[in-house]
Amino acid sequence: MIGTLMVEDDRTAKQIFEDVMANPARARFGFGERLAIVNVDFQNAYTRIDRYKTAYQTDPRQIEHTNTISRLARAAGMPVVWTRVAYAEDGSDAGVWGTRTNTPDSLQNIKYGSDRHAFDERCEIDPSDTQFTKRMPSAFHESPLQSLLIWHKVDTVVVTGGSTSGCVRATAVDSLSRGYRTIVPIETCADKHASYHYANLTDLQLKYADVVPVQEVIDWLQAR
């Protein structure tokens, strides 16, 4: 048999991820010459586990690490982007995505100017950074991101944020689809369940991105 039957074994998603990272089967895309840091949805609805049941935490230093690489990129004259989500009062701009549930915690009920929409105050956002509100998973969807990257002559996109299985993954796949070297620093991403988190990091590493320790991004930026 030349092909592969679907593998089933007793390993957890985390164990599979660790095995893949220990024995990489693909060459890296690597860093190019200029990168952008795209920080996805660091807003209270998804980061403040003390306030909202929609929030989640994986690495407790996630925001700290994200602040570090954002600060280094900024100092090197490279763009830093922060996205978040919010919707109109009637939720119409959430489209069919907003039809699955309708509770105070539902996606389409994150309203502009609300505490859920606000960036987490622990994020160190500089006035020079780009900020925008998106409505779908990918930071590229109907947003100014592509034009910004072209203007700054970016060839590498570093994606952080949450959730790993949702908006981070969608942004990373769209980044590669647009021809960018794509990097996902492990400690800067978060999800609600270890299975979702590690399964998607594994798939990103095998197909769409370089999934690396955040220190590699720090080292590259410091060398600039």
N, C-alpha and C. Protein backbone atom coordinates (compact mmCIF):
# COMPACT_ATOMS: atom_id res chain seq x y z
N MET A 1 0.85 -1.20 0.00
CA MET A 1 0.00 0.00 0.00
C MET A 1 0.88 1.25 0.00
N ILE A 2 0.60 2.15 -0.90
CA ILE A 2 1.41 3.36 -1.01
C ILE A 2 0.87 4.47 -0.11
N GLY A 3 -0.43 4.59 -0.06
CA GLY A 3 -1.04 5.65 0.74
C GLY A 3 -1.12 5.28 2.22
N THR A 4 -1.88 6.05 2.96
CA THR A 4 -1.99 5.87 4.41
C THR A 4 -3.44 5.73 4.82
N LEU A 5 -3.72 4.67 5.54
CA LEU A 5 -5.02 4.57 6.18
C LEU A 5 -5.02 5.49 7.39
N MET A 6 -6.16 6.06 7.75
CA MET A 6 -6.22 6.97 8.89
C MET A 6 -5.68 6.28 10.14
N VAL A 7 -4.75 6.96 10.79
CA VAL A 7 -4.10 6.41 11.98
C VAL A 7 -4.98 6.63 13.19
N GLU A 8 -5.11 5.60 13.99
CA GLU A 8 -5.77 5.73 15.29
C GLU A 8 -4.84 5.13 16.34
N ASP A 9 -4.54 5.91 17.37
CA ASP A 9 -3.73 5.38 18.46
C ASP A 9 -4.16 6.03 19.76
N ASP A 10 -3.46 5.72 20.82
CA ASP A 10 -3.88 6.18 22.15
C ASP A 10 -3.19 7.46 22.59
N ARG A 11 -2.41 8.06 21.71
CA ARG A 11 -1.72 9.29 22.10
C ARG A 11 -2.70 10.45 22.21
N THR A 12 -2.43 11.36 23.13
CA THR A 12 -3.21 12.59 23.20
C THR A 12 -2.76 13.54 22.11
N ALA A 13 -3.55 14.59 21.87
CA ALA A 13 -3.16 15.59 20.88
C ALA A 13 -1.84 16.25 21.27
N LYS A 14 -1.64 16.45 22.56
CA LYS A 14 -0.37 17.05 23.02
C LYS A 14 0.80 16.12 22.74
N GLN A 15 0.62 14.83 22.96
CA GLN A 15 1.70 13.88 22.70
C GLN A 15 2.04 13.82 21.21
N ILE A 16 1.01 13.86 20.37
CA ILE A 16 1.26 13.87 18.93
C ILE A 16 2.02 15.12 18.54
N PHE A 17 1.62 16.27 19.08
CA PHE A 17 2.31 17.53 18.81
C PHE A 17 3.77 17.43 19.22
N GLU A 18 4.02 16.92 20.41
CA GLU A 18 5.40 16.82 20.89
C GLU A 18 6.22 15.88 20.01
N ASP A 19 5.61 14.79 19.55
CA ASP A 19 6.33 13.86 18.66
C ASP A 19 6.66 14.53 17.33
N VAL A 20 5.71 15.29 16.78
CA VAL A 20 5.94 15.99 15.51
C VAL A 20 7.04 17.04 15.67
N MET A 21 7.01 17.78 16.77
CA MET A 21 8.01 18.81 16.98
C MET A 21 9.40 18.21 17.22
N ALA A 22 9.44 17.03 17.82
CA ALA A 22 10.73 16.38 18.08
C ALA A 22 11.32 15.76 16.82
N ASN A 23 10.46 15.44 15.84
CA ASN A 23 10.92 14.81 14.60
C ASN A 23 10.29 15.52 13.41
N PRO A 24 10.72 16.74 13.14
CA PRO A 24 10.07 17.51 12.06
C PRO A 24 10.21 16.82 10.71
N ALA A 25 9.07 16.74 10.01
CA ALA A 25 9.06 16.04 8.72
C ALA A 25 9.08 17.00 7.54
N ARG A 26 9.08 18.29 7.81
CA ARG A 26 9.02 19.28 6.74
C ARG A 26 10.13 20.32 6.93
N ALA A 27 10.61 20.84 5.82
CA ALA A 27 11.54 21.97 5.91
C ALA A 27 10.79 23.19 6.40
N ARG A 28 11.48 24.07 7.07
CA ARG A 28 10.85 25.30 7.55
C ARG A 28 10.69 26.31 6.43
N PHE A 29 9.67 27.17 6.58
CA PHE A 29 9.56 28.33 5.71
C PHE A 29 10.62 29.35 6.08
N GLY A 30 10.88 29.49 7.39
CA GLY A 30 11.89 30.41 7.89
C GLY A 30 11.44 31.86 7.88
N PHE A 31 12.28 32.71 8.42
CA PHE A 31 12.05 34.14 8.41
C PHE A 31 12.51 34.74 7.09
N GLY A 32 11.82 35.77 6.66
CA GLY A 32 12.26 36.51 5.50
C GLY A 32 13.08 37.72 5.93
N GLU A 33 12.77 38.87 5.35
CA GLU A 33 13.50 40.10 5.66
C GLU A 33 12.72 41.03 6.57
N ARG A 34 11.39 41.07 6.39
CA ARG A 34 10.57 41.97 7.20
C ARG A 34 9.30 41.23 7.65
N LEU A 35 9.03 41.33 8.93
CA LEU A 35 7.85 40.65 9.44
C LEU A 35 6.83 41.64 9.99
N ALA A 36 5.63 41.13 10.17
CA ALA A 36 4.58 41.84 10.89
C ALA A 36 4.10 40.93 12.00
N ILE A 37 3.81 41.52 13.15
CA ILE A 37 3.19 40.78 14.25
C ILE A 37 1.69 41.03 14.16
N VAL A 38 0.92 39.97 14.00
CA VAL A 38 -0.54 40.08 13.93
C VAL A 38 -1.12 39.42 15.17
N ASN A 39 -1.59 40.24 16.10
CA ASN A 39 -2.10 39.79 17.38
C ASN A 39 -3.62 39.69 17.30
N VAL A 40 -4.12 38.47 17.34
CA VAL A 40 -5.51 38.19 17.02
C VAL A 40 -6.39 38.12 18.27
N ASP A 41 -7.28 39.08 18.39
CA ASP A 41 -8.40 39.04 19.36
C ASP A 41 -7.98 38.96 20.82
N PHE A 42 -7.04 39.80 21.20
CA PHE A 42 -6.69 39.93 22.61
C PHE A 42 -7.68 40.89 23.29
N GLN A 43 -8.93 40.51 23.28
CA GLN A 43 -9.99 41.34 23.85
C GLN A 43 -10.58 40.63 25.07
N ASN A 44 -11.22 41.42 25.91
CA ASN A 44 -11.68 40.89 27.18
C ASN A 44 -12.57 39.66 27.04
N ALA A 45 -13.39 39.63 26.01
CA ALA A 45 -14.29 38.49 25.82
C ALA A 45 -13.55 37.16 25.76
N TYR A 46 -12.27 37.20 25.34
CA TYR A 46 -11.53 35.97 25.14
C TYR A 46 -10.31 35.82 26.05
N THR A 47 -9.95 36.87 26.77
CA THR A 47 -8.76 36.78 27.62
C THR A 47 -9.05 36.89 29.11
N ARG A 48 -10.17 37.52 29.48
CA ARG A 48 -10.44 37.76 30.90
C ARG A 48 -11.24 36.61 31.50
N ILE A 49 -10.49 35.59 31.93
CA ILE A 49 -11.16 34.42 32.51
C ILE A 49 -11.81 34.75 33.85
N ASP A 50 -11.48 35.92 34.40
CA ASP A 50 -12.13 36.35 35.65
C ASP A 50 -13.47 37.03 35.40
N ARG A 51 -13.82 37.28 34.13
CA ARG A 51 -15.06 37.99 33.80
C ARG A 51 -16.01 37.20 32.93
N TYR A 52 -15.50 36.49 31.94
CA TYR A 52 -16.36 35.92 30.91
C TYR A 52 -16.09 34.44 30.70
N LYS A 53 -17.17 33.67 30.57
CA LYS A 53 -17.01 32.23 30.34
C LYS A 53 -16.56 31.94 28.91
N THR A 54 -16.59 32.94 28.04
CA THR A 54 -16.06 32.77 26.69
C THR A 54 -14.54 32.89 26.65
N ALA A 55 -13.95 33.35 27.76
CA ALA A 55 -12.50 33.55 27.81
C ALA A 55 -11.79 32.23 28.13
N TYR A 56 -10.50 32.17 27.79
CA TYR A 56 -9.73 30.95 28.00
C TYR A 56 -8.27 31.33 28.21
N GLN A 57 -7.52 30.44 28.84
CA GLN A 57 -6.10 30.68 29.08
C GLN A 57 -5.33 29.38 28.87
N THR A 58 -4.22 29.47 28.18
CA THR A 58 -3.33 28.31 28.00
C THR A 58 -2.03 28.60 28.74
N ASP A 59 -1.19 29.43 28.18
CA ASP A 59 0.04 29.85 28.87
C ASP A 59 -0.26 31.13 29.63
N PRO A 60 -0.06 31.15 30.95
CA PRO A 60 -0.36 32.36 31.72
C PRO A 60 0.48 33.57 31.32
N ARG A 61 1.57 33.35 30.60
CA ARG A 61 2.43 34.45 30.16
C ARG A 61 2.17 34.85 28.71
N GLN A 62 1.06 34.38 28.16
CA GLN A 62 0.75 34.64 26.75
C GLN A 62 0.85 36.12 26.40
N ILE A 63 0.18 36.97 27.16
CA ILE A 63 0.17 38.41 26.83
C ILE A 63 1.55 39.01 27.03
N GLU A 64 2.24 38.57 28.06
CA GLU A 64 3.60 39.07 28.29
C GLU A 64 4.50 38.75 27.09
N HIS A 65 4.45 37.53 26.61
CA HIS A 65 5.27 37.15 25.45
C HIS A 65 4.87 37.95 24.21
N THR A 66 3.57 38.14 24.04
CA THR A 66 3.09 38.89 22.88
C THR A 66 3.55 40.34 22.95
N ASN A 67 3.50 40.92 24.13
CA ASN A 67 4.00 42.29 24.32
C ASN A 67 5.48 42.38 23.97
N THR A 68 6.24 41.37 24.36
CA THR A 68 7.69 41.38 24.11
C THR A 68 7.99 41.39 22.62
N ILE A 69 7.41 40.47 21.87
CA ILE A 69 7.74 40.43 20.44
C ILE A 69 7.15 41.64 19.70
N SER A 70 6.03 42.15 20.19
CA SER A 70 5.46 43.36 19.57
C SER A 70 6.38 44.56 19.80
N ARG A 71 6.90 44.67 21.00
CA ARG A 71 7.81 45.78 21.32
C ARG A 71 9.08 45.71 20.49
N LEU A 72 9.64 44.50 20.33
CA LEU A 72 10.86 44.34 19.55
C LEU A 72 10.62 44.63 18.07
N ALA A 73 9.48 44.19 17.55
CA ALA A 73 9.16 44.47 16.15
C ALA A 73 9.01 45.96 15.92
N ARG A 74 8.32 46.61 16.83
CA ARG A 74 8.10 48.06 16.73
C ARG A 74 9.44 48.79 16.72
N ALA A 75 10.34 48.37 17.61
CA ALA A 75 11.65 49.01 17.71
C ALA A 75 12.47 48.82 16.43
N ALA A 76 12.19 47.71 15.72
CA ALA A 76 12.89 47.44 14.47
C ALA A 76 12.20 48.06 13.26
N GLY A 77 11.14 48.84 13.51
CA GLY A 77 10.44 49.51 12.43
C GLY A 77 9.53 48.59 11.64
N MET A 78 9.07 47.53 12.27
CA MET A 78 8.19 46.56 11.62
C MET A 78 6.79 46.67 12.21
N PRO A 79 5.76 46.44 11.40
CA PRO A 79 4.40 46.72 11.84
C PRO A 79 3.86 45.73 12.87
N VAL A 80 3.02 46.29 13.76
CA VAL A 80 2.33 45.50 14.78
C VAL A 80 0.84 45.74 14.60
N VAL A 81 0.07 44.67 14.56
CA VAL A 81 -1.37 44.75 14.30
C VAL A 81 -2.13 44.07 15.43
N TRP A 82 -3.23 44.69 15.84
CA TRP A 82 -4.11 44.10 16.87
C TRP A 82 -5.52 44.03 16.30
N THR A 83 -6.10 42.84 16.32
CA THR A 83 -7.48 42.71 15.85
C THR A 83 -8.40 42.35 17.02
N ARG A 84 -9.69 42.58 16.82
CA ARG A 84 -10.72 42.16 17.76
C ARG A 84 -12.02 42.03 16.98
N VAL A 85 -13.04 41.47 17.61
CA VAL A 85 -14.32 41.30 16.94
C VAL A 85 -15.42 42.05 17.68
N ALA A 86 -16.39 42.54 16.91
CA ALA A 86 -17.60 43.14 17.46
C ALA A 86 -18.62 43.22 16.33
N TYR A 87 -19.87 43.39 16.72
CA TYR A 87 -20.96 43.34 15.74
C TYR A 87 -21.99 44.43 15.99
N ALA A 88 -22.76 44.69 14.94
CA ALA A 88 -23.82 45.70 15.00
C ALA A 88 -24.88 45.28 16.03
N GLU A 89 -25.70 46.24 16.40
CA GLU A 89 -26.72 45.98 17.42
C GLU A 89 -27.64 44.83 17.04
N ASP A 90 -27.95 44.70 15.76
CA ASP A 90 -28.84 43.61 15.34
C ASP A 90 -28.09 42.33 14.97
N GLY A 91 -26.76 42.36 15.07
CA GLY A 91 -25.96 41.17 14.77
C GLY A 91 -25.93 40.79 13.31
N SER A 92 -26.44 41.65 12.44
CA SER A 92 -26.55 41.29 11.03
C SER A 92 -25.20 41.08 10.36
N ASP A 93 -24.17 41.78 10.82
CA ASP A 93 -22.87 41.63 10.18
C ASP A 93 -22.12 40.39 10.64
N ALA A 94 -22.72 39.60 11.54
CA ALA A 94 -22.16 38.30 11.88
C ALA A 94 -22.60 37.23 10.88
N GLY A 95 -23.61 37.57 10.08
CA GLY A 95 -24.08 36.64 9.07
C GLY A 95 -24.57 35.33 9.67
N VAL A 96 -24.46 34.27 8.90
CA VAL A 96 -24.96 32.97 9.35
C VAL A 96 -24.17 32.45 10.55
N TRP A 97 -22.93 32.95 10.72
CA TRP A 97 -22.10 32.54 11.86
C TRP A 97 -22.80 32.87 13.18
N GLY A 98 -23.62 33.90 13.18
CA GLY A 98 -24.28 34.32 14.40
C GLY A 98 -25.63 33.68 14.66
N THR A 99 -25.97 32.66 13.89
CA THR A 99 -27.30 32.06 14.01
C THR A 99 -27.34 30.79 14.85
N ARG A 100 -26.19 30.32 15.30
CA ARG A 100 -26.17 29.03 15.97
C ARG A 100 -26.67 29.12 17.41
N THR A 101 -26.40 30.22 18.08
CA THR A 101 -26.90 30.44 19.44
C THR A 101 -27.27 31.91 19.57
N ASN A 102 -28.05 32.22 20.58
CA ASN A 102 -28.37 33.62 20.88
C ASN A 102 -28.53 33.78 22.39
N THR A 103 -27.37 33.89 23.04
CA THR A 103 -27.31 34.11 24.48
C THR A 103 -26.47 35.36 24.72
N PRO A 104 -26.43 35.87 25.95
CA PRO A 104 -25.56 37.03 26.22
C PRO A 104 -24.09 36.77 25.88
N ASP A 105 -23.68 35.51 25.83
CA ASP A 105 -22.29 35.17 25.55
C ASP A 105 -22.05 34.83 24.08
N SER A 106 -23.09 34.86 23.27
CA SER A 106 -22.93 34.49 21.87
C SER A 106 -22.08 35.50 21.11
N LEU A 107 -21.42 35.00 20.09
CA LEU A 107 -20.50 35.79 19.28
C LEU A 107 -21.09 37.12 18.84
N GLN A 108 -22.30 37.07 18.26
CA GLN A 108 -22.89 38.28 17.68
C GLN A 108 -23.31 39.30 18.73
N ASN A 109 -23.25 38.92 19.99
CA ASN A 109 -23.62 39.84 21.06
C ASN A 109 -22.42 40.55 21.68
N ILE A 110 -21.26 40.43 21.04
CA ILE A 110 -20.12 41.31 21.37
C ILE A 110 -20.36 42.60 20.60
N LYS A 111 -20.69 43.67 21.32
CA LYS A 111 -21.08 44.91 20.67
C LYS A 111 -19.93 45.93 20.69
N TYR A 112 -19.92 46.77 19.67
CA TYR A 112 -18.93 47.84 19.61
C TYR A 112 -18.96 48.68 20.89
N GLY A 113 -17.78 48.97 21.43
CA GLY A 113 -17.67 49.83 22.60
C GLY A 113 -17.96 49.13 23.91
N SER A 114 -18.26 47.85 23.89
CA SER A 114 -18.55 47.11 25.12
C SER A 114 -17.26 46.65 25.78
N ASP A 115 -17.38 46.19 27.03
CA ASP A 115 -16.21 45.67 27.72
C ASP A 115 -15.69 44.41 27.03
N ARG A 116 -16.58 43.62 26.46
CA ARG A 116 -16.16 42.42 25.74
C ARG A 116 -15.32 42.79 24.51
N HIS A 117 -15.65 43.89 23.88
CA HIS A 117 -14.95 44.35 22.69
C HIS A 117 -13.59 44.97 23.03
N ALA A 118 -13.44 45.49 24.22
CA ALA A 118 -12.22 46.23 24.59
C ALA A 118 -11.01 45.31 24.62
N PHE A 119 -9.88 45.83 24.16
CA PHE A 119 -8.63 45.09 24.30
C PHE A 119 -8.31 44.90 25.78
N ASP A 120 -7.73 43.76 26.09
CA ASP A 120 -7.27 43.50 27.45
C ASP A 120 -6.28 44.58 27.85
N GLU A 121 -6.49 45.17 29.01
CA GLU A 121 -5.63 46.29 29.45
C GLU A 121 -4.19 45.88 29.67
N ARG A 122 -3.92 44.58 29.76
CA ARG A 122 -2.54 44.11 29.91
C ARG A 122 -1.76 44.18 28.59
N CYS A 123 -2.45 44.35 27.48
CA CYS A 123 -1.78 44.47 26.19
C CYS A 123 -1.12 45.84 26.06
N GLU A 124 0.12 45.85 25.65
CA GLU A 124 0.86 47.10 25.47
C GLU A 124 0.71 47.55 24.02
N ILE A 125 -0.36 48.29 23.77
CA ILE A 125 -0.66 48.74 22.41
C ILE A 125 -0.15 50.16 22.23
N ASP A 126 0.71 50.34 21.24
CA ASP A 126 1.30 51.66 20.97
C ASP A 126 0.42 52.43 19.98
N PRO A 127 0.40 53.76 20.09
CA PRO A 127 -0.37 54.54 19.12
C PRO A 127 0.01 54.29 17.67
N SER A 128 1.24 53.85 17.45
CA SER A 128 1.68 53.59 16.08
C SER A 128 1.19 52.24 15.54
N ASP A 129 0.68 51.39 16.41
CA ASP A 129 0.18 50.08 15.98
C ASP A 129 -1.12 50.23 15.20
N THR A 130 -1.37 49.28 14.33
CA THR A 130 -2.64 49.23 13.61
C THR A 130 -3.66 48.44 14.42
N GLN A 131 -4.86 48.97 14.56
CA GLN A 131 -5.94 48.28 15.24
C GLN A 131 -7.16 48.25 14.33
N PHE A 132 -7.83 47.12 14.28
CA PHE A 132 -9.10 47.10 13.56
C PHE A 132 -10.00 45.99 14.10
N THR A 133 -11.29 46.17 13.87
CA THR A 133 -12.29 45.18 14.27
C THR A 133 -12.64 44.33 13.05
N LYS A 134 -12.57 43.03 13.24
CA LYS A 134 -12.94 42.10 12.17
C LYS A 134 -14.25 41.41 12.55
N ARG A 135 -14.84 40.71 11.59
CA ARG A 135 -16.11 40.05 11.86
C ARG A 135 -16.10 38.56 11.59
N MET A 136 -15.06 38.08 10.94
CA MET A 136 -14.94 36.66 10.64
C MET A 136 -13.62 36.13 11.21
N PRO A 137 -13.40 34.81 11.18
CA PRO A 137 -12.22 34.27 11.86
C PRO A 137 -10.88 34.86 11.40
N SER A 138 -10.65 34.92 10.10
CA SER A 138 -9.35 35.37 9.61
C SER A 138 -9.18 36.87 9.73
N ALA A 139 -8.01 37.28 10.16
CA ALA A 139 -7.68 38.71 10.21
C ALA A 139 -7.57 39.31 8.82
N PHE A 140 -7.50 38.49 7.79
CA PHE A 140 -7.41 38.98 6.42
C PHE A 140 -8.78 39.24 5.80
N HIS A 141 -9.84 38.66 6.35
CA HIS A 141 -11.15 38.72 5.70
C HIS A 141 -11.73 40.12 5.76
N GLU A 142 -11.92 40.73 4.59
CA GLU A 142 -12.53 42.07 4.47
C GLU A 142 -11.91 43.07 5.45
N SER A 143 -10.58 43.05 5.52
CA SER A 143 -9.85 43.94 6.43
C SER A 143 -8.74 44.67 5.69
N PRO A 144 -8.10 45.66 6.32
CA PRO A 144 -7.00 46.38 5.67
C PRO A 144 -5.66 45.68 5.79
N LEU A 145 -5.64 44.46 6.31
CA LEU A 145 -4.36 43.82 6.62
C LEU A 145 -3.48 43.61 5.39
N GLN A 146 -4.04 43.08 4.32
CA GLN A 146 -3.23 42.80 3.13
C GLN A 146 -2.57 44.08 2.61
N SER A 147 -3.32 45.17 2.52
CA SER A 147 -2.76 46.43 2.03
C SER A 147 -1.64 46.92 2.93
N LEU A 148 -1.84 46.77 4.24
CA LEU A 148 -0.82 47.19 5.20
C LEU A 148 0.47 46.41 5.02
N LEU A 149 0.36 45.10 4.84
CA LEU A 149 1.55 44.27 4.67
C LEU A 149 2.30 44.62 3.38
N ILE A 150 1.55 44.88 2.33
CA ILE A 150 2.18 45.28 1.07
C ILE A 150 2.92 46.61 1.24
N TRP A 151 2.27 47.57 1.88
CA TRP A 151 2.89 48.88 2.08
C TRP A 151 4.20 48.77 2.84
N HIS A 152 4.22 47.90 3.85
CA HIS A 152 5.43 47.75 4.69
C HIS A 152 6.42 46.74 4.11
N LYS A 153 6.14 46.21 2.91
CA LYS A 153 7.04 45.24 2.25
C LYS A 153 7.32 44.01 3.13
N VAL A 154 6.28 43.56 3.79
CA VAL A 154 6.38 42.41 4.69
C VAL A 154 6.40 41.13 3.88
N ASP A 155 7.25 40.18 4.30
CA ASP A 155 7.25 38.86 3.68
C ASP A 155 6.99 37.75 4.69
N THR A 156 6.91 38.11 5.97
CA THR A 156 6.74 37.13 7.03
C THR A 156 5.68 37.62 8.00
N VAL A 157 4.73 36.76 8.34
CA VAL A 157 3.66 37.12 9.26
C VAL A 157 3.74 36.23 10.49
N VAL A 158 3.85 36.85 11.65
CA VAL A 158 3.84 36.15 12.93
C VAL A 158 2.46 36.29 13.54
N VAL A 159 1.78 35.17 13.76
CA VAL A 159 0.41 35.19 14.24
C VAL A 159 0.35 34.75 15.69
N THR A 160 -0.27 35.57 16.54
CA THR A 160 -0.47 35.24 17.94
C THR A 160 -1.95 35.37 18.26
N GLY A 161 -2.34 34.91 19.45
CA GLY A 161 -3.70 35.18 19.92
C GLY A 161 -4.54 33.95 20.13
N GLY A 162 -5.83 34.11 19.89
CA GLY A 162 -6.76 33.02 20.12
C GLY A 162 -7.96 33.11 19.20
N SER A 163 -8.67 32.02 19.10
CA SER A 163 -8.22 30.75 19.61
C SER A 163 -7.33 30.05 18.58
N THR A 164 -6.47 29.16 19.09
CA THR A 164 -5.56 28.45 18.20
C THR A 164 -6.33 27.73 17.10
N SER A 165 -7.45 27.11 17.48
CA SER A 165 -8.22 26.31 16.54
C SER A 165 -9.16 27.14 15.68
N GLY A 166 -9.33 28.41 16.01
CA GLY A 166 -10.26 29.26 15.29
C GLY A 166 -9.57 30.36 14.53
N CYS A 167 -9.51 31.54 15.14
CA CYS A 167 -9.03 32.73 14.43
C CYS A 167 -7.53 32.71 14.15
N VAL A 168 -6.74 32.10 15.03
CA VAL A 168 -5.31 31.98 14.76
C VAL A 168 -5.08 31.07 13.56
N ARG A 169 -5.73 29.93 13.58
CA ARG A 169 -5.59 29.00 12.46
C ARG A 169 -6.06 29.64 11.15
N ALA A 170 -7.22 30.27 11.17
CA ALA A 170 -7.76 30.87 9.95
C ALA A 170 -6.82 31.95 9.41
N THR A 171 -6.27 32.75 10.30
CA THR A 171 -5.35 33.81 9.90
C THR A 171 -4.06 33.22 9.33
N ALA A 172 -3.54 32.17 9.97
CA ALA A 172 -2.31 31.54 9.50
C ALA A 172 -2.49 30.91 8.12
N VAL A 173 -3.62 30.23 7.92
CA VAL A 173 -3.87 29.60 6.62
C VAL A 173 -4.02 30.67 5.53
N ASP A 174 -4.74 31.75 5.84
CA ASP A 174 -4.88 32.83 4.87
C ASP A 174 -3.54 33.52 4.60
N SER A 175 -2.71 33.61 5.63
CA SER A 175 -1.39 34.22 5.45
C SER A 175 -0.56 33.42 4.45
N LEU A 176 -0.48 32.11 4.64
CA LEU A 176 0.25 31.27 3.70
C LEU A 176 -0.38 31.34 2.31
N SER A 177 -1.70 31.36 2.25
CA SER A 177 -2.40 31.40 0.98
C SER A 177 -2.08 32.66 0.19
N ARG A 178 -1.69 33.71 0.89
CA ARG A 178 -1.33 34.97 0.24
C ARG A 178 0.18 35.08 0.00
N GLY A 179 0.91 34.02 0.26
CA GLY A 179 2.32 33.98 -0.09
C GLY A 179 3.27 34.42 1.00
N TYR A 180 2.79 34.54 2.24
CA TYR A 180 3.67 34.97 3.33
C TYR A 180 4.27 33.78 4.06
N ARG A 181 5.54 33.90 4.41
CA ARG A 181 6.11 32.98 5.38
C ARG A 181 5.32 33.20 6.67
N THR A 182 4.88 32.14 7.30
CA THR A 182 3.98 32.28 8.43
C THR A 182 4.54 31.56 9.65
N ILE A 183 4.55 32.27 10.77
CA ILE A 183 5.16 31.76 12.00
C ILE A 183 4.15 31.89 13.14
N VAL A 184 3.99 30.82 13.92
CA VAL A 184 3.09 30.81 15.06
C VAL A 184 3.90 30.48 16.31
N PRO A 185 4.17 31.46 17.17
CA PRO A 185 4.91 31.20 18.41
C PRO A 185 4.02 30.46 19.42
N ILE A 186 4.46 29.34 19.88
CA ILE A 186 3.63 28.44 20.68
C ILE A 186 3.04 29.13 21.90
N GLU A 187 3.86 29.80 22.68
CA GLU A 187 3.40 30.35 23.96
C GLU A 187 2.46 31.53 23.81
N THR A 188 2.33 32.06 22.61
CA THR A 188 1.48 33.24 22.40
C THR A 188 0.07 32.89 21.96
N CYS A 189 -0.25 31.59 21.88
CA CYS A 189 -1.57 31.16 21.43
C CYS A 189 -2.32 30.47 22.56
N ALA A 190 -3.64 30.51 22.48
CA ALA A 190 -4.46 29.92 23.54
C ALA A 190 -5.74 29.35 22.97
N ASP A 191 -6.29 28.37 23.69
CA ASP A 191 -7.55 27.76 23.30
C ASP A 191 -8.26 27.23 24.54
N LYS A 192 -9.50 26.79 24.36
CA LYS A 192 -10.31 26.34 25.48
C LYS A 192 -9.96 24.93 25.95
N HIS A 193 -9.41 24.11 25.08
CA HIS A 193 -9.14 22.72 25.41
C HIS A 193 -7.80 22.32 24.82
N ALA A 194 -7.04 21.54 25.57
CA ALA A 194 -5.72 21.11 25.11
C ALA A 194 -5.80 20.34 23.80
N SER A 195 -6.86 19.56 23.63
CA SER A 195 -7.00 18.79 22.41
C SER A 195 -7.09 19.69 21.18
N TYR A 196 -7.96 20.71 21.26
CA TYR A 196 -8.09 21.64 20.12
C TYR A 196 -6.77 22.36 19.87
N HIS A 197 -6.16 22.83 20.96
CA HIS A 197 -4.95 23.64 20.88
C HIS A 197 -3.82 22.86 20.19
N TYR A 198 -3.52 21.68 20.72
CA TYR A 198 -2.37 20.93 20.20
C TYR A 198 -2.64 20.29 18.86
N ALA A 199 -3.89 19.86 18.62
CA ALA A 199 -4.20 19.29 17.31
C ALA A 199 -4.01 20.32 16.21
N ASN A 200 -4.41 21.55 16.48
CA ASN A 200 -4.28 22.59 15.46
C ASN A 200 -2.86 23.09 15.32
N LEU A 201 -2.10 23.14 16.41
CA LEU A 201 -0.68 23.47 16.28
C LEU A 201 0.03 22.41 15.44
N THR A 202 -0.34 21.15 15.65
CA THR A 202 0.27 20.07 14.86
C THR A 202 -0.03 20.26 13.38
N ASP A 203 -1.29 20.50 13.06
CA ASP A 203 -1.68 20.65 11.65
C ASP A 203 -1.03 21.87 11.02
N LEU A 204 -0.96 22.97 11.77
CA LEU A 204 -0.27 24.16 11.26
C LEU A 204 1.19 23.87 10.98
N GLN A 205 1.84 23.17 11.91
CA GLN A 205 3.26 22.85 11.74
C GLN A 205 3.49 21.96 10.52
N LEU A 206 2.60 21.01 10.29
CA LEU A 206 2.79 20.07 9.18
C LEU A 206 2.48 20.70 7.82
N LYS A 207 1.62 21.73 7.80
CA LYS A 207 1.14 22.22 6.52
C LYS A 207 1.37 23.71 6.25
N TYR A 208 1.05 24.55 7.20
CA TYR A 208 0.83 25.96 6.87
C TYR A 208 1.79 26.96 7.50
N ALA A 209 2.52 26.57 8.54
CA ALA A 209 3.30 27.56 9.29
C ALA A 209 4.50 26.90 9.95
N ASP A 210 5.40 27.72 10.41
CA ASP A 210 6.44 27.27 11.33
C ASP A 210 5.92 27.52 12.74
N VAL A 211 5.70 26.46 13.49
CA VAL A 211 5.25 26.57 14.88
C VAL A 211 6.51 26.47 15.73
N VAL A 212 6.84 27.54 16.43
CA VAL A 212 8.14 27.64 17.09
C VAL A 212 7.99 28.20 18.51
N PRO A 213 8.96 27.93 19.37
CA PRO A 213 8.98 28.62 20.66
C PRO A 213 9.11 30.12 20.44
N VAL A 214 8.46 30.90 21.29
CA VAL A 214 8.48 32.35 21.12
C VAL A 214 9.91 32.90 21.18
N GLN A 215 10.81 32.21 21.88
CA GLN A 215 12.18 32.68 21.99
C GLN A 215 12.86 32.79 20.63
N GLU A 216 12.46 31.95 19.68
CA GLU A 216 13.04 32.05 18.34
C GLU A 216 12.68 33.37 17.67
N VAL A 217 11.47 33.82 17.88
CA VAL A 217 11.06 35.11 17.33
C VAL A 217 11.79 36.24 18.04
N ILE A 218 11.91 36.12 19.35
CA ILE A 218 12.66 37.12 20.13
C ILE A 218 14.10 37.22 19.65
N ASP A 219 14.74 36.07 19.48
CA ASP A 219 16.15 36.05 19.06
C ASP A 219 16.30 36.68 17.68
N TRP A 220 15.39 36.36 16.75
CA TRP A 220 15.49 36.92 15.41
C TRP A 220 15.33 38.43 15.43
N LEU A 221 14.38 38.92 16.19
CA LEU A 221 14.15 40.37 16.26
C LEU A 221 15.30 41.08 16.96
N GLN A 222 15.83 40.48 17.99
CA GLN A 222 16.96 41.12 18.69
C GLN A 222 18.19 41.19 17.81
N ALA A 223 18.33 40.23 16.92
CA ALA A 223 19.48 40.23 16.00
C ALA A 223 19.34 41.29 14.93
N ARG A 224 18.15 41.83 14.75
CA ARG A 224 17.95 42.87 13.74
C ARG A 224 18.48 44.20 14.22
